[in-house]
Amino acid sequence: MKNFKKLVSESKSFNWDKWNLEKNLIKHKVRFQECEEVFFNMPFFRMILLTEKTVEQRYYAFGITDRKRKLTIVFTIRNEKIRVVSARDMSKKERRIYEKELEKIAEV
């Protein structure tokens, strides 16, 4: 598989379906615009393969919105587009991981 950061950077756009848009807004109060911001704002961390058992590889990432909201995004890459499956506020554990990654950057 291609380098992940390259794969994300080569993605042409986002692919949204009505169900995921509504689910993220109703269940987690996350608008699709906020999801997209996470992919363009720095720092953007932890692109990790969630599972190899599904047809599509799913990843999750930690990032911030323009309003500094810390989100966890679950997504896949489909037809050169980022398809967000789920978006929610980071859990306490995820925030700790995110903060540790920020510290690593500050040390460099």
PDB file of N, CA and C in Angstrom:
ATOM      1  N   MET A   1       0.834  -1.192   0.000  1.00  0.00           N
ATOM      2  CA  MET A   1       0.000   0.000   0.000  1.00  0.00           C
ATOM      3  C   MET A   1       0.876   1.252   0.000  1.00  0.00           C
ATOM      4  N   LYS A   2       0.406   2.302  -0.630  1.00  0.00           N
ATOM      5  CA  LYS A   2       1.137   3.559  -0.675  1.00  0.00           C
ATOM      6  C   LYS A   2       1.373   4.086   0.732  1.00  0.00           C
ATOM      7  N   ASN A   3       2.370   4.961   0.846  1.00  0.00           N
ATOM      8  CA  ASN A   3       2.581   5.689   2.078  1.00  0.00           C
ATOM      9  C   ASN A   3       1.275   6.377   2.448  1.00  0.00           C
ATOM     10  N   PHE A   4       0.870   6.234   3.705  1.00  0.00           N
ATOM     11  CA  PHE A   4      -0.452   6.722   4.095  1.00  0.00           C
ATOM     12  C   PHE A   4      -0.618   8.217   3.926  1.00  0.00           C
ATOM     13  N   LYS A   5       0.369   8.997   4.381  1.00  0.00           N
ATOM     14  CA  LYS A   5       0.247  10.453   4.255  1.00  0.00           C
ATOM     15  C   LYS A   5       0.116  10.856   2.788  1.00  0.00           C
ATOM     16  N   LYS A   6       0.835  10.165   1.927  1.00  0.00           N
ATOM     17  CA  LYS A   6       0.744  10.454   0.495  1.00  0.00           C
ATOM     18  C   LYS A   6      -0.655  10.108  -0.021  1.00  0.00           C
ATOM     19  N   LEU A   7      -1.180   8.984   0.433  1.00  0.00           N
ATOM     20  CA  LEU A   7      -2.521   8.567   0.022  1.00  0.00           C
ATOM     21  C   LEU A   7      -3.562   9.612   0.408  1.00  0.00           C
ATOM     22  N   VAL A   8      -3.486  10.109   1.634  1.00  0.00           N
ATOM     23  CA  VAL A   8      -4.428  11.141   2.082  1.00  0.00           C
ATOM     24  C   VAL A   8      -4.225  12.422   1.296  1.00  0.00           C
ATOM     25  N   SER A   9      -2.965  12.826   1.097  1.00  0.00           N
ATOM     26  CA  SER A   9      -2.710  14.078   0.388  1.00  0.00           C
ATOM     27  C   SER A   9      -3.127  14.006  -1.080  1.00  0.00           C
ATOM     28  N   GLU A  10      -3.119  12.804  -1.669  1.00  0.00           N
ATOM     29  CA  GLU A  10      -3.530  12.642  -3.066  1.00  0.00           C
ATOM     30  C   GLU A  10      -5.042  12.519  -3.221  1.00  0.00           C
ATOM     31  N   SER A  11      -5.748  12.389  -2.122  1.00  0.00           N
ATOM     32  CA  SER A  11      -7.206  12.277  -2.205  1.00  0.00           C
ATOM     33  C   SER A  11      -7.769  13.557  -2.786  1.00  0.00           C
ATOM     34  N   LYS A  12      -8.665  13.399  -3.729  1.00  0.00           N
ATOM     35  CA  LYS A  12      -9.186  14.538  -4.486  1.00  0.00           C
ATOM     36  C   LYS A  12     -10.217  15.347  -3.712  1.00  0.00           C
ATOM     37  N   SER A  13     -10.972  14.665  -2.855  1.00  0.00           N
ATOM     38  CA  SER A  13     -12.038  15.342  -2.130  1.00  0.00           C
ATOM     39  C   SER A  13     -12.587  14.397  -1.071  1.00  0.00           C
ATOM     40  N   PHE A  14     -13.744  14.750  -0.560  1.00  0.00           N
ATOM     41  CA  PHE A  14     -14.422  13.910   0.423  1.00  0.00           C
ATOM     42  C   PHE A  14     -15.639  13.270  -0.216  1.00  0.00           C
ATOM     43  N   ASN A  15     -15.974  12.106   0.276  1.00  0.00           N
ATOM     44  CA  ASN A  15     -17.149  11.376  -0.194  1.00  0.00           C
ATOM     45  C   ASN A  15     -18.082  11.232   1.002  1.00  0.00           C
ATOM     46  N   TRP A  16     -19.221  11.892   0.948  1.00  0.00           N
ATOM     47  CA  TRP A  16     -20.174  11.867   2.060  1.00  0.00           C
ATOM     48  C   TRP A  16     -21.440  11.148   1.644  1.00  0.00           C
ATOM     49  N   ASP A  17     -21.978  10.362   2.559  1.00  0.00           N
ATOM     50  CA  ASP A  17     -23.315   9.835   2.321  1.00  0.00           C
ATOM     51  C   ASP A  17     -24.247  10.399   3.387  1.00  0.00           C
ATOM     52  N   LYS A  18     -25.504  10.463   3.049  1.00  0.00           N
ATOM     53  CA  LYS A  18     -26.497  11.101   3.913  1.00  0.00           C
ATOM     54  C   LYS A  18     -26.536  10.462   5.298  1.00  0.00           C
ATOM     55  N   TRP A  19     -26.442   9.142   5.358  1.00  0.00           N
ATOM     56  CA  TRP A  19     -26.513   8.450   6.645  1.00  0.00           C
ATOM     57  C   TRP A  19     -25.382   8.887   7.572  1.00  0.00           C
ATOM     58  N   ASN A  20     -24.141   8.906   7.092  1.00  0.00           N
ATOM     59  CA  ASN A  20     -23.021   9.295   7.940  1.00  0.00           C
ATOM     60  C   ASN A  20     -23.084  10.766   8.336  1.00  0.00           C
ATOM     61  N   LEU A  21     -23.537  11.608   7.428  1.00  0.00           N
ATOM     62  CA  LEU A  21     -23.694  13.028   7.762  1.00  0.00           C
ATOM     63  C   LEU A  21     -24.646  13.194   8.934  1.00  0.00           C
ATOM     64  N   GLU A  22     -25.807  12.548   8.836  1.00  0.00           N
ATOM     65  CA  GLU A  22     -26.826  12.658   9.891  1.00  0.00           C
ATOM     66  C   GLU A  22     -26.359  12.006  11.186  1.00  0.00           C
ATOM     67  N   LYS A  23     -25.750  10.823  11.088  1.00  0.00           N
ATOM     68  CA  LYS A  23     -25.302  10.092  12.273  1.00  0.00           C
ATOM     69  C   LYS A  23     -24.293  10.923  13.068  1.00  0.00           C
ATOM     70  N   ASN A  24     -23.296  11.474  12.385  1.00  0.00           N
ATOM     71  CA  ASN A  24     -22.274  12.247  13.086  1.00  0.00           C
ATOM     72  C   ASN A  24     -22.848  13.505  13.714  1.00  0.00           C
ATOM     73  N   LEU A  25     -23.789  14.132  13.044  1.00  0.00           N
ATOM     74  CA  LEU A  25     -24.393  15.344  13.575  1.00  0.00           C
ATOM     75  C   LEU A  25     -25.310  15.032  14.758  1.00  0.00           C
ATOM     76  N   ILE A  26     -26.174  14.049  14.607  1.00  0.00           N
ATOM     77  CA  ILE A  26     -27.144  13.730  15.660  1.00  0.00           C
ATOM     78  C   ILE A  26     -26.472  13.078  16.861  1.00  0.00           C
ATOM     79  N   LYS A  27     -25.673  12.069  16.611  1.00  0.00           N
ATOM     80  CA  LYS A  27     -25.086  11.291  17.703  1.00  0.00           C
ATOM     81  C   LYS A  27     -23.922  12.008  18.389  1.00  0.00           C
ATOM     82  N   HIS A  28     -23.077  12.687  17.606  1.00  0.00           N
ATOM     83  CA  HIS A  28     -21.855  13.263  18.160  1.00  0.00           C
ATOM     84  C   HIS A  28     -21.773  14.784  18.029  1.00  0.00           C
ATOM     85  N   LYS A  29     -22.770  15.397  17.409  1.00  0.00           N
ATOM     86  CA  LYS A  29     -22.801  16.854  17.211  1.00  0.00           C
ATOM     87  C   LYS A  29     -21.577  17.355  16.439  1.00  0.00           C
ATOM     88  N   VAL A  30     -21.173  16.570  15.438  1.00  0.00           N
ATOM     89  CA  VAL A  30     -20.031  16.939  14.599  1.00  0.00           C
ATOM     90  C   VAL A  30     -20.535  17.194  13.182  1.00  0.00           C
ATOM     91  N   ARG A  31     -20.312  18.416  12.707  1.00  0.00           N
ATOM     92  CA  ARG A  31     -20.703  18.773  11.343  1.00  0.00           C
ATOM     93  C   ARG A  31     -19.645  18.281  10.361  1.00  0.00           C
ATOM     94  N   PHE A  32     -20.049  18.027   9.122  1.00  0.00           N
ATOM     95  CA  PHE A  32     -19.098  17.521   8.132  1.00  0.00           C
ATOM     96  C   PHE A  32     -17.962  18.505   7.888  1.00  0.00           C
ATOM     97  N   GLN A  33     -18.226  19.801   8.009  1.00  0.00           N
ATOM     98  CA  GLN A  33     -17.168  20.791   7.807  1.00  0.00           C
ATOM     99  C   GLN A  33     -16.057  20.617   8.846  1.00  0.00           C
ATOM    100  N   GLU A  34     -16.451  20.287  10.085  1.00  0.00           N
ATOM    101  CA  GLU A  34     -15.456  20.071  11.133  1.00  0.00           C
ATOM    102  C   GLU A  34     -14.590  18.853  10.808  1.00  0.00           C
ATOM    103  N   CYS A  35     -15.218  17.805  10.296  1.00  0.00           N
ATOM    104  CA  CYS A  35     -14.471  16.608   9.910  1.00  0.00           C
ATOM    105  C   CYS A  35     -13.412  16.957   8.875  1.00  0.00           C
ATOM    106  N   GLU A  36     -13.804  17.707   7.883  1.00  0.00           N
ATOM    107  CA  GLU A  36     -12.869  18.073   6.821  1.00  0.00           C
ATOM    108  C   GLU A  36     -11.726  18.931   7.354  1.00  0.00           C
ATOM    109  N   GLU A  37     -12.030  19.820   8.301  1.00  0.00           N
ATOM    110  CA  GLU A  37     -10.991  20.682   8.867  1.00  0.00           C
ATOM    111  C   GLU A  37      -9.861  19.867   9.497  1.00  0.00           C
ATOM    112  N   VAL A  38     -10.222  18.762  10.147  1.00  0.00           N
ATOM    113  CA  VAL A  38      -9.226  17.924  10.816  1.00  0.00           C
ATOM    114  C   VAL A  38      -8.135  17.479   9.843  1.00  0.00           C
ATOM    115  N   PHE A  39      -8.499  17.190   8.602  1.00  0.00           N
ATOM    116  CA  PHE A  39      -7.530  16.700   7.623  1.00  0.00           C
ATOM    117  C   PHE A  39      -6.584  17.795   7.117  1.00  0.00           C
ATOM    118  N   PHE A  40      -6.958  19.055   7.322  1.00  0.00           N
ATOM    119  CA  PHE A  40      -6.141  20.157   6.818  1.00  0.00           C
ATOM    120  C   PHE A  40      -5.414  20.924   7.915  1.00  0.00           C
ATOM    121  N   ASN A  41      -5.842  20.752   9.153  1.00  0.00           N
ATOM    122  CA  ASN A  41      -5.212  21.458  10.258  1.00  0.00           C
ATOM    123  C   ASN A  41      -4.079  20.633  10.839  1.00  0.00           C
ATOM    124  N   MET A  42      -3.077  21.327  11.308  1.00  0.00           N
ATOM    125  CA  MET A  42      -1.956  20.663  11.965  1.00  0.00           C
ATOM    126  C   MET A  42      -2.060  20.947  13.453  1.00  0.00           C
ATOM    127  N   PRO A  43      -1.673  20.009  14.279  1.00  0.00           N
ATOM    128  CA  PRO A  43      -1.167  18.681  13.937  1.00  0.00           C
ATOM    129  C   PRO A  43      -2.286  17.697  13.644  1.00  0.00           C
ATOM    130  N   PHE A  44      -1.964  16.731  12.825  1.00  0.00           N
ATOM    131  CA  PHE A  44      -2.874  15.667  12.392  1.00  0.00           C
ATOM    132  C   PHE A  44      -2.121  14.365  12.617  1.00  0.00           C
ATOM    133  N   PHE A  45      -2.622  13.510  13.505  1.00  0.00           N
ATOM    134  CA  PHE A  45      -1.855  12.358  13.956  1.00  0.00           C
ATOM    135  C   PHE A  45      -2.557  11.034  13.800  1.00  0.00           C
ATOM    136  N   ARG A  46      -1.765  10.005  13.938  1.00  0.00           N
ATOM    137  CA  ARG A  46      -2.153   8.635  14.256  1.00  0.00           C
ATOM    138  C   ARG A  46      -3.001   7.963  13.193  1.00  0.00           C
ATOM    139  N   MET A  47      -2.518   7.956  12.002  1.00  0.00           N
ATOM    140  CA  MET A  47      -3.222   7.262  10.942  1.00  0.00           C
ATOM    141  C   MET A  47      -2.946   5.769  11.080  1.00  0.00           C
ATOM    142  N   ILE A  48      -3.826   5.081  11.739  1.00  0.00           N
ATOM    143  CA  ILE A  48      -3.588   3.684  12.085  1.00  0.00           C
ATOM    144  C   ILE A  48      -4.644   2.794  11.435  1.00  0.00           C
ATOM    145  N   LEU A  49      -4.182   1.702  10.896  1.00  0.00           N
ATOM    146  CA  LEU A  49      -5.080   0.711  10.322  1.00  0.00           C
ATOM    147  C   LEU A  49      -5.935   0.115  11.425  1.00  0.00           C
ATOM    148  N   LEU A  50      -7.237   0.186  11.272  1.00  0.00           N
ATOM    149  CA  LEU A  50      -8.129  -0.383  12.280  1.00  0.00           C
ATOM    150  C   LEU A  50      -8.306  -1.877  12.105  1.00  0.00           C
ATOM    151  N   THR A  51      -8.516  -2.297  10.889  1.00  0.00           N
ATOM    152  CA  THR A  51      -8.783  -3.710  10.667  1.00  0.00           C
ATOM    153  C   THR A  51      -8.358  -4.120   9.270  1.00  0.00           C
ATOM    154  N   GLU A  52      -7.949  -5.336   9.131  1.00  0.00           N
ATOM    155  CA  GLU A  52      -7.622  -5.873   7.816  1.00  0.00           C
ATOM    156  C   GLU A  52      -8.682  -6.872   7.364  1.00  0.00           C
ATOM    157  N   LYS A  53      -9.702  -7.079   8.178  1.00  0.00           N
ATOM    158  CA  LYS A  53     -10.708  -8.099   7.901  1.00  0.00           C
ATOM    159  C   LYS A  53     -11.845  -7.598   7.024  1.00  0.00           C
ATOM    160  N   THR A  54     -11.995  -6.304   6.900  1.00  0.00           N
ATOM    161  CA  THR A  54     -13.065  -5.765   6.079  1.00  0.00           C
ATOM    162  C   THR A  54     -12.588  -5.613   4.635  1.00  0.00           C
ATOM    163  N   VAL A  55     -13.509  -5.383   3.754  1.00  0.00           N
ATOM    164  CA  VAL A  55     -13.164  -5.171   2.346  1.00  0.00           C
ATOM    165  C   VAL A  55     -12.312  -3.914   2.205  1.00  0.00           C
ATOM    166  N   GLU A  56     -12.717  -2.851   2.889  1.00  0.00           N
ATOM    167  CA  GLU A  56     -11.965  -1.600   2.847  1.00  0.00           C
ATOM    168  C   GLU A  56     -11.133  -1.473   4.115  1.00  0.00           C
ATOM    169  N   GLN A  57      -9.951  -0.935   3.974  1.00  0.00           N
ATOM    170  CA  GLN A  57      -9.136  -0.657   5.147  1.00  0.00           C
ATOM    171  C   GLN A  57      -9.668   0.607   5.809  1.00  0.00           C
ATOM    172  N   ARG A  58      -9.865   0.534   7.092  1.00  0.00           N
ATOM    173  CA  ARG A  58     -10.333   1.704   7.840  1.00  0.00           C
ATOM    174  C   ARG A  58      -9.234   2.198   8.755  1.00  0.00           C
ATOM    175  N   TYR A  59      -9.201   3.514   8.882  1.00  0.00           N
ATOM    176  CA  TYR A  59      -8.183   4.182   9.676  1.00  0.00           C
ATOM    177  C   TYR A  59      -8.852   5.109  10.673  1.00  0.00           C
ATOM    178  N   TYR A  60      -8.071   5.488  11.692  1.00  0.00           N
ATOM    179  CA  TYR A  60      -8.559   6.578  12.506  1.00  0.00           C
ATOM    180  C   TYR A  60      -7.451   7.596  12.655  1.00  0.00           C
ATOM    181  N   ALA A  61      -7.867   8.820  12.903  1.00  0.00           N
ATOM    182  CA  ALA A  61      -6.911   9.905  13.034  1.00  0.00           C
ATOM    183  C   ALA A  61      -7.368  10.840  14.124  1.00  0.00           C
ATOM    184  N   PHE A  62      -6.400  11.479  14.765  1.00  0.00           N
ATOM    185  CA  PHE A  62      -6.678  12.493  15.766  1.00  0.00           C
ATOM    186  C   PHE A  62      -6.316  13.836  15.169  1.00  0.00           C
ATOM    187  N   GLY A  63      -7.162  14.826  15.388  1.00  0.00           N
ATOM    188  CA  GLY A  63      -6.852  16.155  14.883  1.00  0.00           C
ATOM    189  C   GLY A  63      -7.736  17.202  15.505  1.00  0.00           C
ATOM    190  N   ILE A  64      -7.530  18.449  15.072  1.00  0.00           N
ATOM    191  CA  ILE A  64      -8.282  19.565  15.632  1.00  0.00           C
ATOM    192  C   ILE A  64      -9.027  20.310  14.529  1.00  0.00           C
ATOM    193  N   THR A  65     -10.123  20.913  14.935  1.00  0.00           N
ATOM    194  CA  THR A  65     -10.904  21.735  14.015  1.00  0.00           C
ATOM    195  C   THR A  65     -10.387  23.169  14.080  1.00  0.00           C
ATOM    196  N   ASP A  66     -10.951  24.034  13.270  1.00  0.00           N
ATOM    197  CA  ASP A  66     -10.565  25.447  13.293  1.00  0.00           C
ATOM    198  C   ASP A  66     -10.850  26.076  14.655  1.00  0.00           C
ATOM    199  N   ARG A  67     -11.838  25.548  15.360  1.00  0.00           N
ATOM    200  CA  ARG A  67     -12.187  26.063  16.695  1.00  0.00           C
ATOM    201  C   ARG A  67     -11.487  25.297  17.814  1.00  0.00           C
ATOM    202  N   LYS A  68     -10.480  24.519  17.456  1.00  0.00           N
ATOM    203  CA  LYS A  68      -9.644  23.757  18.399  1.00  0.00           C
ATOM    204  C   LYS A  68     -10.389  22.608  19.077  1.00  0.00           C
ATOM    205  N   ARG A  69     -11.447  22.141  18.485  1.00  0.00           N
ATOM    206  CA  ARG A  69     -12.151  20.960  18.986  1.00  0.00           C
ATOM    207  C   ARG A  69     -11.335  19.737  18.590  1.00  0.00           C
ATOM    208  N   LYS A  70     -11.050  18.879  19.538  1.00  0.00           N
ATOM    209  CA  LYS A  70     -10.243  17.686  19.282  1.00  0.00           C
ATOM    210  C   LYS A  70     -11.167  16.534  18.899  1.00  0.00           C
ATOM    211  N   LEU A  71     -10.968  16.021  17.682  1.00  0.00           N
ATOM    212  CA  LEU A  71     -11.836  14.964  17.162  1.00  0.00           C
ATOM    213  C   LEU A  71     -11.060  13.704  16.822  1.00  0.00           C
ATOM    214  N   THR A  72     -11.758  12.592  16.932  1.00  0.00           N
ATOM    215  CA  THR A  72     -11.282  11.315  16.417  1.00  0.00           C
ATOM    216  C   THR A  72     -12.136  11.015  15.196  1.00  0.00           C
ATOM    217  N   ILE A  73     -11.486  10.743  14.078  1.00  0.00           N
ATOM    218  CA  ILE A  73     -12.170  10.479  12.817  1.00  0.00           C
ATOM    219  C   ILE A  73     -11.845   9.055  12.379  1.00  0.00           C
ATOM    220  N   VAL A  74     -12.870   8.276  12.068  1.00  0.00           N
ATOM    221  CA  VAL A  74     -12.694   6.957  11.461  1.00  0.00           C
ATOM    222  C   VAL A  74     -13.046   7.142   9.990  1.00  0.00           C
ATOM    223  N   PHE A  75     -12.151   6.660   9.108  1.00  0.00           N
ATOM    224  CA  PHE A  75     -12.370   6.893   7.682  1.00  0.00           C
ATOM    225  C   PHE A  75     -11.722   5.812   6.842  1.00  0.00           C
ATOM    226  N   THR A  76     -12.055   5.856   5.572  1.00  0.00           N
ATOM    227  CA  THR A  76     -11.449   4.990   4.580  1.00  0.00           C
ATOM    228  C   THR A  76     -11.142   5.850   3.360  1.00  0.00           C
ATOM    229  N   ILE A  77     -10.356   5.324   2.451  1.00  0.00           N
ATOM    230  CA  ILE A  77     -10.098   6.001   1.178  1.00  0.00           C
ATOM    231  C   ILE A  77     -10.807   5.178   0.112  1.00  0.00           C
ATOM    232  N   ARG A  78     -11.723   5.824  -0.595  1.00  0.00           N
ATOM    233  CA  ARG A  78     -12.497   5.133  -1.626  1.00  0.00           C
ATOM    234  C   ARG A  78     -12.471   5.969  -2.895  1.00  0.00           C
ATOM    235  N   ASN A  79     -11.968   5.377  -3.969  1.00  0.00           N
ATOM    236  CA  ASN A  79     -11.905   6.065  -5.270  1.00  0.00           C
ATOM    237  C   ASN A  79     -11.227   7.431  -5.152  1.00  0.00           C
ATOM    238  N   GLU A  80     -10.080   7.447  -4.482  1.00  0.00           N
ATOM    239  CA  GLU A  80      -9.283   8.654  -4.294  1.00  0.00           C
ATOM    240  C   GLU A  80     -10.013   9.736  -3.498  1.00  0.00           C
ATOM    241  N   LYS A  81     -10.999   9.344  -2.704  1.00  0.00           N
ATOM    242  CA  LYS A  81     -11.727  10.290  -1.864  1.00  0.00           C
ATOM    243  C   LYS A  81     -11.717   9.795  -0.426  1.00  0.00           C
ATOM    244  N   ILE A  82     -11.660  10.753   0.491  1.00  0.00           N
ATOM    245  CA  ILE A  82     -11.734  10.425   1.908  1.00  0.00           C
ATOM    246  C   ILE A  82     -13.206  10.251   2.256  1.00  0.00           C
ATOM    247  N   ARG A  83     -13.533   9.087   2.815  1.00  0.00           N
ATOM    248  CA  ARG A  83     -14.911   8.800   3.209  1.00  0.00           C
ATOM    249  C   ARG A  83     -14.938   8.650   4.725  1.00  0.00           C
ATOM    250  N   VAL A  84     -15.514   9.646   5.397  1.00  0.00           N
ATOM    251  CA  VAL A  84     -15.603   9.621   6.851  1.00  0.00           C
ATOM    252  C   VAL A  84     -16.714   8.682   7.262  1.00  0.00           C
ATOM    253  N   VAL A  85     -16.362   7.732   8.119  1.00  0.00           N
ATOM    254  CA  VAL A  85     -17.330   6.762   8.625  1.00  0.00           C
ATOM    255  C   VAL A  85     -17.919   7.271   9.931  1.00  0.00           C
ATOM    256  N   SER A  86     -17.064   7.818  10.786  1.00  0.00           N
ATOM    257  CA  SER A  86     -17.502   8.293  12.086  1.00  0.00           C
ATOM    258  C   SER A  86     -16.607   9.426  12.549  1.00  0.00           C
ATOM    259  N   ALA A  87     -17.196  10.361  13.274  1.00  0.00           N
ATOM    260  CA  ALA A  87     -16.441  11.472  13.850  1.00  0.00           C
ATOM    261  C   ALA A  87     -17.038  11.799  15.207  1.00  0.00           C
ATOM    262  N   ARG A  88     -16.143  11.973  16.190  1.00  0.00           N
ATOM    263  CA  ARG A  88     -16.605  12.257  17.553  1.00  0.00           C
ATOM    264  C   ARG A  88     -15.501  12.965  18.309  1.00  0.00           C
ATOM    265  N   ASP A  89     -15.863  13.520  19.464  1.00  0.00           N
ATOM    266  CA  ASP A  89     -14.859  14.118  20.328  1.00  0.00           C
ATOM    267  C   ASP A  89     -13.915  13.031  20.828  1.00  0.00           C
ATOM    268  N   MET A  90     -12.649  13.399  21.022  1.00  0.00           N
ATOM    269  CA  MET A  90     -11.676  12.441  21.543  1.00  0.00           C
ATOM    270  C   MET A  90     -12.054  12.025  22.957  1.00  0.00           C
ATOM    271  N   SER A  91     -11.806  10.763  23.262  1.00  0.00           N
ATOM    272  CA  SER A  91     -11.971  10.278  24.635  1.00  0.00           C
ATOM    273  C   SER A  91     -10.786  10.784  25.470  1.00  0.00           C
ATOM    274  N   LYS A  92     -10.853  10.600  26.788  1.00  0.00           N
ATOM    275  CA  LYS A  92      -9.737  11.006  27.652  1.00  0.00           C
ATOM    276  C   LYS A  92      -8.450  10.300  27.238  1.00  0.00           C
ATOM    277  N   LYS A  93      -8.546   9.011  26.971  1.00  0.00           N
ATOM    278  CA  LYS A  93      -7.370   8.236  26.567  1.00  0.00           C
ATOM    279  C   LYS A  93      -6.799   8.762  25.253  1.00  0.00           C
ATOM    280  N   GLU A  94      -7.664   9.058  24.294  1.00  0.00           N
ATOM    281  CA  GLU A  94      -7.215   9.585  23.003  1.00  0.00           C
ATOM    282  C   GLU A  94      -6.578  10.957  23.160  1.00  0.00           C
ATOM    283  N   ARG A  95      -7.137  11.806  24.041  1.00  0.00           N
ATOM    284  CA  ARG A  95      -6.544  13.124  24.286  1.00  0.00           C
ATOM    285  C   ARG A  95      -5.139  12.982  24.872  1.00  0.00           C
ATOM    286  N   ARG A  96      -4.951  12.008  25.783  1.00  0.00           N
ATOM    287  CA  ARG A  96      -3.618  11.786  26.355  1.00  0.00           C
ATOM    288  C   ARG A  96      -2.628  11.384  25.262  1.00  0.00           C
ATOM    289  N   ILE A  97      -3.047  10.481  24.372  1.00  0.00           N
ATOM    290  CA  ILE A  97      -2.185  10.062  23.259  1.00  0.00           C
ATOM    291  C   ILE A  97      -1.857  11.263  22.374  1.00  0.00           C
ATOM    292  N   TYR A  98      -2.866  12.052  22.067  1.00  0.00           N
ATOM    293  CA  TYR A  98      -2.691  13.230  21.224  1.00  0.00           C
ATOM    294  C   TYR A  98      -1.699  14.203  21.867  1.00  0.00           C
ATOM    295  N   GLU A  99      -1.866  14.450  23.163  1.00  0.00           N
ATOM    296  CA  GLU A  99      -0.975  15.373  23.877  1.00  0.00           C
ATOM    297  C   GLU A  99       0.467  14.851  23.876  1.00  0.00           C
ATOM    298  N   LYS A 100       0.654  13.543  24.021  1.00  0.00           N
ATOM    299  CA  LYS A 100       2.002  12.978  23.970  1.00  0.00           C
ATOM    300  C   LYS A 100       2.628  13.194  22.601  1.00  0.00           C
ATOM    301  N   GLU A 101       1.836  13.051  21.553  1.00  0.00           N
ATOM    302  CA  GLU A 101       2.345  13.293  20.201  1.00  0.00           C
ATOM    303  C   GLU A 101       2.734  14.760  20.027  1.00  0.00           C
ATOM    304  N   LEU A 102       1.955  15.660  20.610  1.00  0.00           N
ATOM    305  CA  LEU A 102       2.302  17.096  20.558  1.00  0.00           C
ATOM    306  C   LEU A 102       3.633  17.353  21.256  1.00  0.00           C
ATOM    307  N   GLU A 103       3.838  16.684  22.384  1.00  0.00           N
ATOM    308  CA  GLU A 103       5.098  16.838  23.119  1.00  0.00           C
ATOM    309  C   GLU A 103       6.279  16.376  22.284  1.00  0.00           C
ATOM    310  N   LYS A 104       6.109  15.280  21.560  1.00  0.00           N
ATOM    311  CA  LYS A 104       7.191  14.767  20.703  1.00  0.00           C
ATOM    312  C   LYS A 104       7.574  15.791  19.641  1.00  0.00           C
ATOM    313  N   ILE A 105       6.576  16.442  19.078  1.00  0.00           N
ATOM    314  CA  ILE A 105       6.836  17.451  18.053  1.00  0.00           C
ATOM    315  C   ILE A 105       7.592  18.623  18.669  1.00  0.00           C
ATOM    316  N   ALA A 106       7.189  19.030  19.854  1.00  0.00           N
ATOM    317  CA  ALA A 106       7.815  20.176  20.526  1.00  0.00           C
ATOM    318  C   ALA A 106       9.282  19.902  20.838  1.00  0.00           C
ATOM    319  N   GLU A 107       9.630  18.623  21.070  1.00  0.00           N
ATOM    320  CA  GLU A 107      10.998  18.259  21.391  1.00  0.00           C
ATOM    321  C   GLU A 107      11.922  18.332  20.181  1.00  0.00           C
ATOM    322  N   VAL A 108      11.356  18.234  18.991  1.00  0.00           N
ATOM    323  CA  VAL A 108      12.176  18.193  17.769  1.00  0.00           C
ATOM    324  C   VAL A 108      12.642  19.561  17.384  1.00  0.00           C
TER     325      VAL A 108
END
